[in-house]
Amino acid sequence: MNTRLRLLALCLLLIALGCKQQQPMHPKTTQSKHAIYQGTVRYLQFEGGFYGIVTHKGQAILPMNLQKQYQQDGLGVEFSGEFKEGISTIQQWGKPFVIESIRLISSSAKPPRKDNSL
């Protein structure tokens, strides 16, 4: 009986320790999703046509809320906001991005291209 009691106590102890939430070995560094970029607005003619922004480093950004006045192919803009994680879009191009502020830095708008070259 004494052995059974010890075995039961050991099992309960192991179960209790197994339920303890473990801390990660290397805690994740939390980086802000907020960013400021400069880029060029581009009109892409696939999936019904849409406006994207290509940064000066070549990153494709899909603005979720680009204001009508900035929907001109070739505009240079500086913008800030946050990337939208965990969503999929019909465009399947670029990283979804919610613009918080945007300003014009060059107004060399061009007529929409016939192809999808950037």
PDB file of N, CA and C in Angstrom:
ATOM      1  N   MET A   1       0.817  -1.183   0.000  1.00  0.00           N
ATOM      2  CA  MET A   1       0.000   0.000   0.000  1.00  0.00           C
ATOM      3  C   MET A   1       0.869   1.257   0.000  1.00  0.00           C
ATOM      4  N   ASN A   2       1.943   1.234   0.787  1.00  0.00           N
ATOM      5  CA  ASN A   2       2.861   2.361   0.864  1.00  0.00           C
ATOM      6  C   ASN A   2       3.492   2.626  -0.504  1.00  0.00           C
ATOM      7  N   THR A   3       3.823   1.567  -1.238  1.00  0.00           N
ATOM      8  CA  THR A   3       4.416   1.699  -2.567  1.00  0.00           C
ATOM      9  C   THR A   3       3.418   2.313  -3.544  1.00  0.00           C
ATOM     10  N   ARG A   4       2.172   1.890  -3.457  1.00  0.00           N
ATOM     11  CA  ARG A   4       1.133   2.448  -4.330  1.00  0.00           C
ATOM     12  C   ARG A   4       0.939   3.943  -4.059  1.00  0.00           C
ATOM     13  N   LEU A   5       0.970   4.318  -2.822  1.00  0.00           N
ATOM     14  CA  LEU A   5       0.799   5.720  -2.454  1.00  0.00           C
ATOM     15  C   LEU A   5       1.949   6.572  -2.991  1.00  0.00           C
ATOM     16  N   ARG A   6       3.166   6.064  -2.874  1.00  0.00           N
ATOM     17  CA  ARG A   6       4.328   6.782  -3.429  1.00  0.00           C
ATOM     18  C   ARG A   6       4.235   6.881  -4.948  1.00  0.00           C
ATOM     19  N   LEU A   7       3.834   5.802  -5.593  1.00  0.00           N
ATOM     20  CA  LEU A   7       3.692   5.793  -7.050  1.00  0.00           C
ATOM     21  C   LEU A   7       2.622   6.791  -7.491  1.00  0.00           C
ATOM     22  N   LEU A   8       1.505   6.820  -6.778  1.00  0.00           N
ATOM     23  CA  LEU A   8       0.438   7.770  -7.085  1.00  0.00           C
ATOM     24  C   LEU A   8       0.923   9.208  -6.901  1.00  0.00           C
ATOM     25  N   ALA A   9       1.649   9.475  -5.833  1.00  0.00           N
ATOM     26  CA  ALA A   9       2.182  10.819  -5.583  1.00  0.00           C
ATOM     27  C   ALA A   9       3.165  11.221  -6.679  1.00  0.00           C
ATOM     28  N   LEU A  10       4.000  10.279  -7.111  1.00  0.00           N
ATOM     29  CA  LEU A  10       4.958  10.557  -8.186  1.00  0.00           C
ATOM     30  C   LEU A  10       4.239  10.872  -9.492  1.00  0.00           C
ATOM     31  N   CYS A  11       3.201  10.099  -9.811  1.00  0.00           N
ATOM     32  CA  CYS A  11       2.421  10.350 -11.034  1.00  0.00           C
ATOM     33  C   CYS A  11       1.762  11.719 -10.993  1.00  0.00           C
ATOM     34  N   LEU A  12       1.171  12.071  -9.864  1.00  0.00           N
ATOM     35  CA  LEU A  12       0.533  13.384  -9.733  1.00  0.00           C
ATOM     36  C   LEU A  12       1.551  14.514  -9.870  1.00  0.00           C
ATOM     37  N   LEU A  13       2.738  14.315  -9.314  1.00  0.00           N
ATOM     38  CA  LEU A  13       3.796  15.314  -9.429  1.00  0.00           C
ATOM     39  C   LEU A  13       4.225  15.486 -10.886  1.00  0.00           C
ATOM     40  N   LEU A  14       4.389  14.380 -11.601  1.00  0.00           N
ATOM     41  CA  LEU A  14       4.775  14.447 -13.015  1.00  0.00           C
ATOM     42  C   LEU A  14       3.699  15.121 -13.854  1.00  0.00           C
ATOM     43  N   ILE A  15       2.453  14.826 -13.567  1.00  0.00           N
ATOM     44  CA  ILE A  15       1.354  15.470 -14.300  1.00  0.00           C
ATOM     45  C   ILE A  15       1.354  16.969 -14.028  1.00  0.00           C
ATOM     46  N   ALA A  16       1.528  17.347 -12.773  1.00  0.00           N
ATOM     47  CA  ALA A  16       1.537  18.771 -12.419  1.00  0.00           C
ATOM     48  C   ALA A  16       2.697  19.499 -13.094  1.00  0.00           C
ATOM     49  N   LEU A  17       3.869  18.886 -13.123  1.00  0.00           N
ATOM     50  CA  LEU A  17       5.023  19.516 -13.780  1.00  0.00           C
ATOM     51  C   LEU A  17       4.840  19.573 -15.288  1.00  0.00           C
ATOM     52  N   GLY A  18       4.169  18.582 -15.853  1.00  0.00           N
ATOM     53  CA  GLY A  18       3.925  18.564 -17.295  1.00  0.00           C
ATOM     54  C   GLY A  18       2.956  19.642 -17.737  1.00  0.00           C
ATOM     55  N   CYS A  19       2.099  20.090 -16.847  1.00  0.00           N
ATOM     56  CA  CYS A  19       1.116  21.117 -17.178  1.00  0.00           C
ATOM     57  C   CYS A  19       1.667  22.530 -17.029  1.00  0.00           C
ATOM     58  N   LYS A  20       2.836  22.674 -16.441  1.00  0.00           N
ATOM     59  CA  LYS A  20       3.423  23.994 -16.248  1.00  0.00           C
ATOM     60  C   LYS A  20       3.798  24.584 -17.604  1.00  0.00           C
ATOM     61  N   GLN A  21       3.433  25.830 -17.824  1.00  0.00           N
ATOM     62  CA  GLN A  21       3.762  26.489 -19.075  1.00  0.00           C
ATOM     63  C   GLN A  21       5.256  26.744 -19.124  1.00  0.00           C
ATOM     64  N   GLN A  22       5.870  26.286 -20.193  1.00  0.00           N
ATOM     65  CA  GLN A  22       7.316  26.437 -20.310  1.00  0.00           C
ATOM     66  C   GLN A  22       7.664  27.775 -20.934  1.00  0.00           C
ATOM     67  N   GLN A  23       8.747  28.343 -20.475  1.00  0.00           N
ATOM     68  CA  GLN A  23       9.263  29.578 -21.044  1.00  0.00           C
ATOM     69  C   GLN A  23      10.161  29.218 -22.218  1.00  0.00           C
ATOM     70  N   PRO A  24      10.128  29.988 -23.303  1.00  0.00           N
ATOM     71  CA  PRO A  24      11.003  29.674 -24.429  1.00  0.00           C
ATOM     72  C   PRO A  24      12.472  29.818 -24.036  1.00  0.00           C
ATOM     73  N   MET A  25      13.300  29.011 -24.672  1.00  0.00           N
ATOM     74  CA  MET A  25      14.735  29.063 -24.399  1.00  0.00           C
ATOM     75  C   MET A  25      15.300  30.430 -24.778  1.00  0.00           C
ATOM     76  N   HIS A  26      14.884  30.930 -25.924  1.00  0.00           N
ATOM     77  CA  HIS A  26      15.323  32.236 -26.412  1.00  0.00           C
ATOM     78  C   HIS A  26      14.072  33.072 -26.623  1.00  0.00           C
ATOM     79  N   PRO A  27      13.783  33.995 -25.744  1.00  0.00           N
ATOM     80  CA  PRO A  27      12.566  34.782 -25.908  1.00  0.00           C
ATOM     81  C   PRO A  27      12.579  35.534 -27.234  1.00  0.00           C
ATOM     82  N   LYS A  28      11.411  35.594 -27.862  1.00  0.00           N
ATOM     83  CA  LYS A  28      11.289  36.303 -29.133  1.00  0.00           C
ATOM     84  C   LYS A  28      11.453  37.794 -28.890  1.00  0.00           C
ATOM     85  N   THR A  29      12.160  38.424 -29.808  1.00  0.00           N
ATOM     86  CA  THR A  29      12.241  39.876 -29.736  1.00  0.00           C
ATOM     87  C   THR A  29      11.044  40.408 -30.500  1.00  0.00           C
ATOM     88  N   THR A  30      10.291  41.254 -29.876  1.00  0.00           N
ATOM     89  CA  THR A  30       9.110  41.787 -30.537  1.00  0.00           C
ATOM     90  C   THR A  30       9.506  43.034 -31.302  1.00  0.00           C
ATOM     91  N   GLN A  31       9.353  42.953 -32.606  1.00  0.00           N
ATOM     92  CA  GLN A  31       9.647  44.092 -33.452  1.00  0.00           C
ATOM     93  C   GLN A  31       8.333  44.764 -33.813  1.00  0.00           C
ATOM     94  N   SER A  32       8.355  46.048 -33.853  1.00  0.00           N
ATOM     95  CA  SER A  32       7.173  46.782 -34.244  1.00  0.00           C
ATOM     96  C   SER A  32       6.892  46.528 -35.715  1.00  0.00           C
ATOM     97  N   LYS A  33       5.622  46.382 -36.026  1.00  0.00           N
ATOM     98  CA  LYS A  33       5.239  46.202 -37.423  1.00  0.00           C
ATOM     99  C   LYS A  33       5.170  47.549 -38.129  1.00  0.00           C
ATOM    100  N   HIS A  34       5.230  48.630 -37.365  1.00  0.00           N
ATOM    101  CA  HIS A  34       5.128  49.965 -37.933  1.00  0.00           C
ATOM    102  C   HIS A  34       6.390  50.273 -38.723  1.00  0.00           C
ATOM    103  N   ALA A  35       6.225  50.815 -39.917  1.00  0.00           N
ATOM    104  CA  ALA A  35       7.376  51.088 -40.767  1.00  0.00           C
ATOM    105  C   ALA A  35       7.132  52.341 -41.596  1.00  0.00           C
ATOM    106  N   ILE A  36       8.226  52.965 -42.032  1.00  0.00           N
ATOM    107  CA  ILE A  36       8.171  54.119 -42.931  1.00  0.00           C
ATOM    108  C   ILE A  36       8.961  53.752 -44.178  1.00  0.00           C
ATOM    109  N   TYR A  37       8.356  53.960 -45.336  1.00  0.00           N
ATOM    110  CA  TYR A  37       8.977  53.589 -46.607  1.00  0.00           C
ATOM    111  C   TYR A  37       8.849  54.710 -47.622  1.00  0.00           C
ATOM    112  N   GLN A  38       9.690  54.611 -48.647  1.00  0.00           N
ATOM    113  CA  GLN A  38       9.530  55.412 -49.851  1.00  0.00           C
ATOM    114  C   GLN A  38       9.419  54.431 -50.999  1.00  0.00           C
ATOM    115  N   GLY A  39       8.563  54.756 -51.955  1.00  0.00           N
ATOM    116  CA  GLY A  39       8.398  53.846 -53.077  1.00  0.00           C
ATOM    117  C   GLY A  39       7.624  54.486 -54.209  1.00  0.00           C
ATOM    118  N   THR A  40       7.325  53.669 -55.201  1.00  0.00           N
ATOM    119  CA  THR A  40       6.620  54.117 -56.394  1.00  0.00           C
ATOM    120  C   THR A  40       5.312  53.351 -56.520  1.00  0.00           C
ATOM    121  N   VAL A  41       4.226  54.082 -56.719  1.00  0.00           N
ATOM    122  CA  VAL A  41       2.922  53.455 -56.926  1.00  0.00           C
ATOM    123  C   VAL A  41       2.927  52.814 -58.312  1.00  0.00           C
ATOM    124  N   ARG A  42       2.453  51.587 -58.393  1.00  0.00           N
ATOM    125  CA  ARG A  42       2.386  50.862 -59.663  1.00  0.00           C
ATOM    126  C   ARG A  42       0.988  50.296 -59.858  1.00  0.00           C
ATOM    127  N   TYR A  43       0.503  50.389 -61.106  1.00  0.00           N
ATOM    128  CA  TYR A  43      -0.762  49.756 -61.457  1.00  0.00           C
ATOM    129  C   TYR A  43      -0.437  48.431 -62.109  1.00  0.00           C
ATOM    130  N   LEU A  44      -0.985  47.362 -61.574  1.00  0.00           N
ATOM    131  CA  LEU A  44      -0.740  46.018 -62.100  1.00  0.00           C
ATOM    132  C   LEU A  44      -2.032  45.495 -62.712  1.00  0.00           C
ATOM    133  N   GLN A  45      -1.935  44.975 -63.931  1.00  0.00           N
ATOM    134  CA  GLN A  45      -3.135  44.593 -64.673  1.00  0.00           C
ATOM    135  C   GLN A  45      -3.419  43.099 -64.617  1.00  0.00           C
ATOM    136  N   PHE A  46      -3.330  42.510 -63.463  1.00  0.00           N
ATOM    137  CA  PHE A  46      -3.817  41.142 -63.337  1.00  0.00           C
ATOM    138  C   PHE A  46      -4.730  41.062 -62.129  1.00  0.00           C
ATOM    139  N   GLU A  47      -5.528  40.005 -62.055  1.00  0.00           N
ATOM    140  CA  GLU A  47      -6.547  39.852 -61.005  1.00  0.00           C
ATOM    141  C   GLU A  47      -7.480  41.061 -60.971  1.00  0.00           C
ATOM    142  N   GLY A  48      -7.860  41.556 -62.137  1.00  0.00           N
ATOM    143  CA  GLY A  48      -8.796  42.670 -62.215  1.00  0.00           C
ATOM    144  C   GLY A  48      -8.152  44.040 -62.180  1.00  0.00           C
ATOM    145  N   GLY A  49      -6.849  44.104 -61.939  1.00  0.00           N
ATOM    146  CA  GLY A  49      -6.130  45.371 -61.873  1.00  0.00           C
ATOM    147  C   GLY A  49      -6.164  45.957 -60.470  1.00  0.00           C
ATOM    148  N   PHE A  50      -5.025  46.421 -60.007  1.00  0.00           N
ATOM    149  CA  PHE A  50      -4.927  47.001 -58.667  1.00  0.00           C
ATOM    150  C   PHE A  50      -3.656  47.828 -58.578  1.00  0.00           C
ATOM    151  N   TYR A  51      -3.583  48.643 -57.535  1.00  0.00           N
ATOM    152  CA  TYR A  51      -2.402  49.459 -57.277  1.00  0.00           C
ATOM    153  C   TYR A  51      -1.571  48.830 -56.170  1.00  0.00           C
ATOM    154  N   GLY A  52      -0.284  48.764 -56.410  1.00  0.00           N
ATOM    155  CA  GLY A  52       0.671  48.308 -55.416  1.00  0.00           C
ATOM    156  C   GLY A  52       1.761  49.356 -55.297  1.00  0.00           C
ATOM    157  N   ILE A  53       2.621  49.187 -54.339  1.00  0.00           N
ATOM    158  CA  ILE A  53       3.759  50.091 -54.172  1.00  0.00           C
ATOM    159  C   ILE A  53       5.019  49.248 -54.140  1.00  0.00           C
ATOM    160  N   VAL A  54       6.003  49.658 -54.945  1.00  0.00           N
ATOM    161  CA  VAL A  54       7.305  48.998 -54.941  1.00  0.00           C
ATOM    162  C   VAL A  54       8.277  49.949 -54.254  1.00  0.00           C
ATOM    163  N   THR A  55       8.882  49.488 -53.161  1.00  0.00           N
ATOM    164  CA  THR A  55       9.801  50.345 -52.419  1.00  0.00           C
ATOM    165  C   THR A  55      11.103  50.507 -53.195  1.00  0.00           C
ATOM    166  N   HIS A  56      11.922  51.445 -52.741  1.00  0.00           N
ATOM    167  CA  HIS A  56      13.214  51.669 -53.391  1.00  0.00           C
ATOM    168  C   HIS A  56      14.137  50.468 -53.247  1.00  0.00           C
ATOM    169  N   LYS A  57      13.848  49.589 -52.289  1.00  0.00           N
ATOM    170  CA  LYS A  57      14.633  48.363 -52.122  1.00  0.00           C
ATOM    171  C   LYS A  57      14.026  47.196 -52.893  1.00  0.00           C
ATOM    172  N   GLY A  58      12.941  47.458 -53.626  1.00  0.00           N
ATOM    173  CA  GLY A  58      12.327  46.423 -54.453  1.00  0.00           C
ATOM    174  C   GLY A  58      11.260  45.591 -53.768  1.00  0.00           C
ATOM    175  N   GLN A  59      10.870  45.948 -52.558  1.00  0.00           N
ATOM    176  CA  GLN A  59       9.848  45.187 -51.839  1.00  0.00           C
ATOM    177  C   GLN A  59       8.463  45.530 -52.376  1.00  0.00           C
ATOM    178  N   ALA A  60       7.666  44.506 -52.652  1.00  0.00           N
ATOM    179  CA  ALA A  60       6.303  44.685 -53.149  1.00  0.00           C
ATOM    180  C   ALA A  60       5.348  44.827 -51.969  1.00  0.00           C
ATOM    181  N   ILE A  61       4.648  45.955 -51.916  1.00  0.00           N
ATOM    182  CA  ILE A  61       3.710  46.227 -50.829  1.00  0.00           C
ATOM    183  C   ILE A  61       2.326  46.425 -51.427  1.00  0.00           C
ATOM    184  N   LEU A  62       1.356  45.715 -50.866  1.00  0.00           N
ATOM    185  CA  LEU A  62      -0.030  45.811 -51.318  1.00  0.00           C
ATOM    186  C   LEU A  62      -0.809  46.681 -50.333  1.00  0.00           C
ATOM    187  N   PRO A  63      -1.021  47.962 -50.678  1.00  0.00           N
ATOM    188  CA  PRO A  63      -1.748  48.832 -49.751  1.00  0.00           C
ATOM    189  C   PRO A  63      -3.225  48.447 -49.695  1.00  0.00           C
ATOM    190  N   MET A  64      -3.736  48.299 -48.490  1.00  0.00           N
ATOM    191  CA  MET A  64      -5.132  47.921 -48.305  1.00  0.00           C
ATOM    192  C   MET A  64      -6.060  49.133 -48.356  1.00  0.00           C
ATOM    193  N   ASN A  65      -5.500  50.330 -48.247  1.00  0.00           N
ATOM    194  CA  ASN A  65      -6.326  51.534 -48.160  1.00  0.00           C
ATOM    195  C   ASN A  65      -5.665  52.719 -48.867  1.00  0.00           C
ATOM    196  N   LEU A  66      -5.154  52.508 -50.067  1.00  0.00           N
ATOM    197  CA  LEU A  66      -4.518  53.597 -50.816  1.00  0.00           C
ATOM    198  C   LEU A  66      -5.588  54.587 -51.274  1.00  0.00           C
ATOM    199  N   GLN A  67      -5.447  55.837 -50.859  1.00  0.00           N
ATOM    200  CA  GLN A  67      -6.429  56.864 -51.197  1.00  0.00           C
ATOM    201  C   GLN A  67      -6.465  57.095 -52.705  1.00  0.00           C
ATOM    202  N   LYS A  68      -7.638  57.459 -53.200  1.00  0.00           N
ATOM    203  CA  LYS A  68      -7.876  57.648 -54.637  1.00  0.00           C
ATOM    204  C   LYS A  68      -6.864  58.615 -55.260  1.00  0.00           C
ATOM    205  N   GLN A  69      -6.523  59.686 -54.556  1.00  0.00           N
ATOM    206  CA  GLN A  69      -5.622  60.692 -55.120  1.00  0.00           C
ATOM    207  C   GLN A  69      -4.215  60.154 -55.369  1.00  0.00           C
ATOM    208  N   TYR A  70      -3.852  59.043 -54.714  1.00  0.00           N
ATOM    209  CA  TYR A  70      -2.530  58.438 -54.908  1.00  0.00           C
ATOM    210  C   TYR A  70      -2.576  57.239 -55.851  1.00  0.00           C
ATOM    211  N   GLN A  71      -3.726  56.935 -56.404  1.00  0.00           N
ATOM    212  CA  GLN A  71      -3.859  55.801 -57.313  1.00  0.00           C
ATOM    213  C   GLN A  71      -3.502  56.234 -58.733  1.00  0.00           C
ATOM    214  N   GLN A  72      -2.208  56.531 -58.910  1.00  0.00           N
ATOM    215  CA  GLN A  72      -1.676  56.934 -60.212  1.00  0.00           C
ATOM    216  C   GLN A  72      -0.340  56.236 -60.411  1.00  0.00           C
ATOM    217  N   ASP A  73      -0.217  55.506 -61.499  1.00  0.00           N
ATOM    218  CA  ASP A  73       1.004  54.757 -61.778  1.00  0.00           C
ATOM    219  C   ASP A  73       2.193  55.701 -61.902  1.00  0.00           C
ATOM    220  N   GLY A  74       3.252  55.415 -61.173  1.00  0.00           N
ATOM    221  CA  GLY A  74       4.481  56.189 -61.266  1.00  0.00           C
ATOM    222  C   GLY A  74       4.671  57.240 -60.194  1.00  0.00           C
ATOM    223  N   LEU A  75       3.680  57.463 -59.337  1.00  0.00           N
ATOM    224  CA  LEU A  75       3.837  58.462 -58.277  1.00  0.00           C
ATOM    225  C   LEU A  75       4.870  57.996 -57.262  1.00  0.00           C
ATOM    226  N   GLY A  76       5.735  58.914 -56.863  1.00  0.00           N
ATOM    227  CA  GLY A  76       6.668  58.628 -55.774  1.00  0.00           C
ATOM    228  C   GLY A  76       6.027  59.038 -54.466  1.00  0.00           C
ATOM    229  N   VAL A  77       6.015  58.144 -53.497  1.00  0.00           N
ATOM    230  CA  VAL A  77       5.358  58.432 -52.222  1.00  0.00           C
ATOM    231  C   VAL A  77       6.235  58.015 -51.050  1.00  0.00           C
ATOM    232  N   GLU A  78       6.014  58.681 -49.931  1.00  0.00           N
ATOM    233  CA  GLU A  78       6.572  58.246 -48.655  1.00  0.00           C
ATOM    234  C   GLU A  78       5.370  57.917 -47.785  1.00  0.00           C
ATOM    235  N   PHE A  79       5.406  56.758 -47.143  1.00  0.00           N
ATOM    236  CA  PHE A  79       4.236  56.320 -46.399  1.00  0.00           C
ATOM    237  C   PHE A  79       4.657  55.542 -45.164  1.00  0.00           C
ATOM    238  N   SER A  80       3.754  55.503 -44.211  1.00  0.00           N
ATOM    239  CA  SER A  80       4.002  54.719 -42.999  1.00  0.00           C
ATOM    240  C   SER A  80       2.747  53.929 -42.677  1.00  0.00           C
ATOM    241  N   GLY A  81       2.928  52.905 -41.881  1.00  0.00           N
ATOM    242  CA  GLY A  81       1.800  52.064 -41.497  1.00  0.00           C
ATOM    243  C   GLY A  81       2.289  50.744 -40.964  1.00  0.00           C
ATOM    244  N   GLU A  82       1.432  49.746 -41.057  1.00  0.00           N
ATOM    245  CA  GLU A  82       1.752  48.428 -40.527  1.00  0.00           C
ATOM    246  C   GLU A  82       1.388  47.341 -41.522  1.00  0.00           C
ATOM    247  N   PHE A  83       2.195  46.284 -41.526  1.00  0.00           N
ATOM    248  CA  PHE A  83       1.875  45.115 -42.326  1.00  0.00           C
ATOM    249  C   PHE A  83       0.716  44.379 -41.682  1.00  0.00           C
ATOM    250  N   LYS A  84      -0.170  43.842 -42.501  1.00  0.00           N
ATOM    251  CA  LYS A  84      -1.315  43.057 -42.050  1.00  0.00           C
ATOM    252  C   LYS A  84      -0.926  41.597 -42.158  1.00  0.00           C
ATOM    253  N   GLU A  85      -0.829  40.929 -41.028  1.00  0.00           N
ATOM    254  CA  GLU A  85      -0.423  39.524 -41.001  1.00  0.00           C
ATOM    255  C   GLU A  85      -1.644  38.610 -41.012  1.00  0.00           C
ATOM    256  N   GLY A  86      -1.466  37.429 -41.570  1.00  0.00           N
ATOM    257  CA  GLY A  86      -2.494  36.398 -41.479  1.00  0.00           C
ATOM    258  C   GLY A  86      -3.704  36.596 -42.368  1.00  0.00           C
ATOM    259  N   ILE A  87      -3.585  37.405 -43.420  1.00  0.00           N
ATOM    260  CA  ILE A  87      -4.701  37.538 -44.354  1.00  0.00           C
ATOM    261  C   ILE A  87      -4.224  37.169 -45.744  1.00  0.00           C
ATOM    262  N   SER A  88      -5.143  36.712 -46.564  1.00  0.00           N
ATOM    263  CA  SER A  88      -4.808  36.436 -47.957  1.00  0.00           C
ATOM    264  C   SER A  88      -5.674  37.337 -48.827  1.00  0.00           C
ATOM    265  N   THR A  89      -5.141  37.687 -49.980  1.00  0.00           N
ATOM    266  CA  THR A  89      -5.845  38.595 -50.877  1.00  0.00           C
ATOM    267  C   THR A  89      -6.006  37.934 -52.233  1.00  0.00           C
ATOM    268  N   ILE A  90      -6.939  38.449 -53.031  1.00  0.00           N
ATOM    269  CA  ILE A  90      -7.107  37.886 -54.373  1.00  0.00           C
ATOM    270  C   ILE A  90      -5.962  38.297 -55.285  1.00  0.00           C
ATOM    271  N   GLN A  91      -5.256  39.366 -54.946  1.00  0.00           N
ATOM    272  CA  GLN A  91      -4.164  39.837 -55.794  1.00  0.00           C
ATOM    273  C   GLN A  91      -2.971  38.888 -55.766  1.00  0.00           C
ATOM    274  N   GLN A  92      -2.708  38.263 -54.642  1.00  0.00           N
ATOM    275  CA  GLN A  92      -1.564  37.367 -54.482  1.00  0.00           C
ATOM    276  C   GLN A  92      -0.272  38.037 -54.949  1.00  0.00           C
ATOM    277  N   TRP A  93      -0.120  39.280 -54.548  1.00  0.00           N
ATOM    278  CA  TRP A  93       1.058  40.076 -54.894  1.00  0.00           C
ATOM    279  C   TRP A  93       1.381  40.952 -53.705  1.00  0.00           C
ATOM    280  N   GLY A  94       2.615  41.004 -53.320  1.00  0.00           N
ATOM    281  CA  GLY A  94       3.041  41.906 -52.257  1.00  0.00           C
ATOM    282  C   GLY A  94       2.547  41.510 -50.879  1.00  0.00           C
ATOM    283  N   LYS A  95       3.041  42.259 -49.897  1.00  0.00           N
ATOM    284  CA  LYS A  95       2.628  42.048 -48.503  1.00  0.00           C
ATOM    285  C   LYS A  95       1.528  43.051 -48.176  1.00  0.00           C
ATOM    286  N   PRO A  96       0.376  42.574 -47.683  1.00  0.00           N
ATOM    287  CA  PRO A  96      -0.701  43.497 -47.321  1.00  0.00           C
ATOM    288  C   PRO A  96      -0.230  44.515 -46.277  1.00  0.00           C
ATOM    289  N   PHE A  97      -0.610  45.773 -46.492  1.00  0.00           N
ATOM    290  CA  PHE A  97      -0.109  46.882 -45.684  1.00  0.00           C
ATOM    291  C   PHE A  97      -1.233  47.883 -45.468  1.00  0.00           C
ATOM    292  N   VAL A  98      -1.423  48.323 -44.232  1.00  0.00           N
ATOM    293  CA  VAL A  98      -2.408  49.359 -43.917  1.00  0.00           C
ATOM    294  C   VAL A  98      -1.662  50.679 -43.773  1.00  0.00           C
ATOM    295  N   ILE A  99      -1.991  51.629 -44.634  1.00  0.00           N
ATOM    296  CA  ILE A  99      -1.330  52.937 -44.637  1.00  0.00           C
ATOM    297  C   ILE A  99      -1.935  53.818 -43.550  1.00  0.00           C
ATOM    298  N   GLU A 100      -1.059  54.389 -42.722  1.00  0.00           N
ATOM    299  CA  GLU A 100      -1.498  55.332 -41.688  1.00  0.00           C
ATOM    300  C   GLU A 100      -1.293  56.770 -42.145  1.00  0.00           C
ATOM    301  N   SER A 101      -0.198  57.013 -42.870  1.00  0.00           N
ATOM    302  CA  SER A 101       0.030  58.343 -43.436  1.00  0.00           C
ATOM    303  C   SER A 101       0.789  58.179 -44.744  1.00  0.00           C
ATOM    304  N   ILE A 102       0.547  59.112 -45.647  1.00  0.00           N
ATOM    305  CA  ILE A 102       1.188  59.053 -46.962  1.00  0.00           C
ATOM    306  C   ILE A 102       1.357  60.475 -47.466  1.00  0.00           C
ATOM    307  N   ARG A 103       2.472  60.704 -48.172  1.00  0.00           N
ATOM    308  CA  ARG A 103       2.672  62.018 -48.790  1.00  0.00           C
ATOM    309  C   ARG A 103       3.379  61.833 -50.126  1.00  0.00           C
ATOM    310  N   LEU A 104       3.126  62.748 -51.024  1.00  0.00           N
ATOM    311  CA  LEU A 104       3.701  62.734 -52.364  1.00  0.00           C
ATOM    312  C   LEU A 104       5.138  63.231 -52.309  1.00  0.00           C
ATOM    313  N   ILE A 105       6.068  62.513 -52.961  1.00  0.00           N
ATOM    314  CA  ILE A 105       7.445  63.007 -53.038  1.00  0.00           C
ATOM    315  C   ILE A 105       7.873  63.262 -54.479  1.00  0.00           C
ATOM    316  N   SER A 106       7.178  62.674 -55.452  1.00  0.00           N
ATOM    317  CA  SER A 106       7.404  63.027 -56.862  1.00  0.00           C
ATOM    318  C   SER A 106       6.143  62.707 -57.640  1.00  0.00           C
ATOM    319  N   SER A 107       5.824  63.576 -58.564  1.00  0.00           N
ATOM    320  CA  SER A 107       4.558  63.427 -59.286  1.00  0.00           C
ATOM    321  C   SER A 107       4.759  63.053 -60.744  1.00  0.00           C
ATOM    322  N   SER A 108       5.605  62.089 -60.990  1.00  0.00           N
ATOM    323  CA  SER A 108       5.846  61.667 -62.370  1.00  0.00           C
ATOM    324  C   SER A 108       4.903  60.527 -62.745  1.00  0.00           C
ATOM    325  N   ALA A 109       3.598  60.798 -62.666  1.00  0.00           N
ATOM    326  CA  ALA A 109       2.605  59.774 -63.008  1.00  0.00           C
ATOM    327  C   ALA A 109       2.702  59.435 -64.486  1.00  0.00           C
ATOM    328  N   LYS A 110       2.466  58.173 -64.790  1.00  0.00           N
ATOM    329  CA  LYS A 110       2.545  57.681 -66.162  1.00  0.00           C
ATOM    330  C   LYS A 110       1.220  57.024 -66.512  1.00  0.00           C
ATOM    331  N   PRO A 111       0.897  56.938 -67.800  1.00  0.00           N
ATOM    332  CA  PRO A 111      -0.303  56.176 -68.155  1.00  0.00           C
ATOM    333  C   PRO A 111      -0.094  54.706 -67.811  1.00  0.00           C
ATOM    334  N   PRO A 112      -1.157  53.980 -67.458  1.00  0.00           N
ATOM    335  CA  PRO A 112      -1.001  52.565 -67.109  1.00  0.00           C
ATOM    336  C   PRO A 112      -0.322  51.776 -68.222  1.00  0.00           C
ATOM    337  N   ARG A 113       0.559  50.853 -67.826  1.00  0.00           N
ATOM    338  CA  ARG A 113       1.284  50.022 -68.783  1.00  0.00           C
ATOM    339  C   ARG A 113       0.397  48.893 -69.279  1.00  0.00           C
ATOM    340  N   LYS A 114       0.711  48.372 -70.442  1.00  0.00           N
ATOM    341  CA  LYS A 114      -0.036  47.247 -71.002  1.00  0.00           C
ATOM    342  C   LYS A 114       0.423  45.927 -70.409  1.00  0.00           C
ATOM    343  N   ASP A 115       1.661  45.881 -69.914  1.00  0.00           N
ATOM    344  CA  ASP A 115       2.164  44.641 -69.314  1.00  0.00           C
ATOM    345  C   ASP A 115       2.292  44.839 -67.806  1.00  0.00           C
ATOM    346  N   ASN A 116       2.773  43.843 -67.127  1.00  0.00           N
ATOM    347  CA  ASN A 116       2.906  43.924 -65.670  1.00  0.00           C
ATOM    348  C   ASN A 116       4.335  44.159 -65.233  1.00  0.00           C
ATOM    349  N   SER A 117       5.169  44.695 -66.101  1.00  0.00           N
ATOM    350  CA  SER A 117       6.558  44.942 -65.712  1.00  0.00           C
ATOM    351  C   SER A 117       6.601  46.069 -64.694  1.00  0.00           C
ATOM    352  N   LEU A 118       7.562  45.968 -63.804  1.00  0.00           N
ATOM    353  CA  LEU A 118       7.718  46.993 -62.779  1.00  0.00           C
ATOM    354  C   LEU A 118       8.827  47.896 -63.215  1.00  0.00           C
TER     355      LEU A 118
END
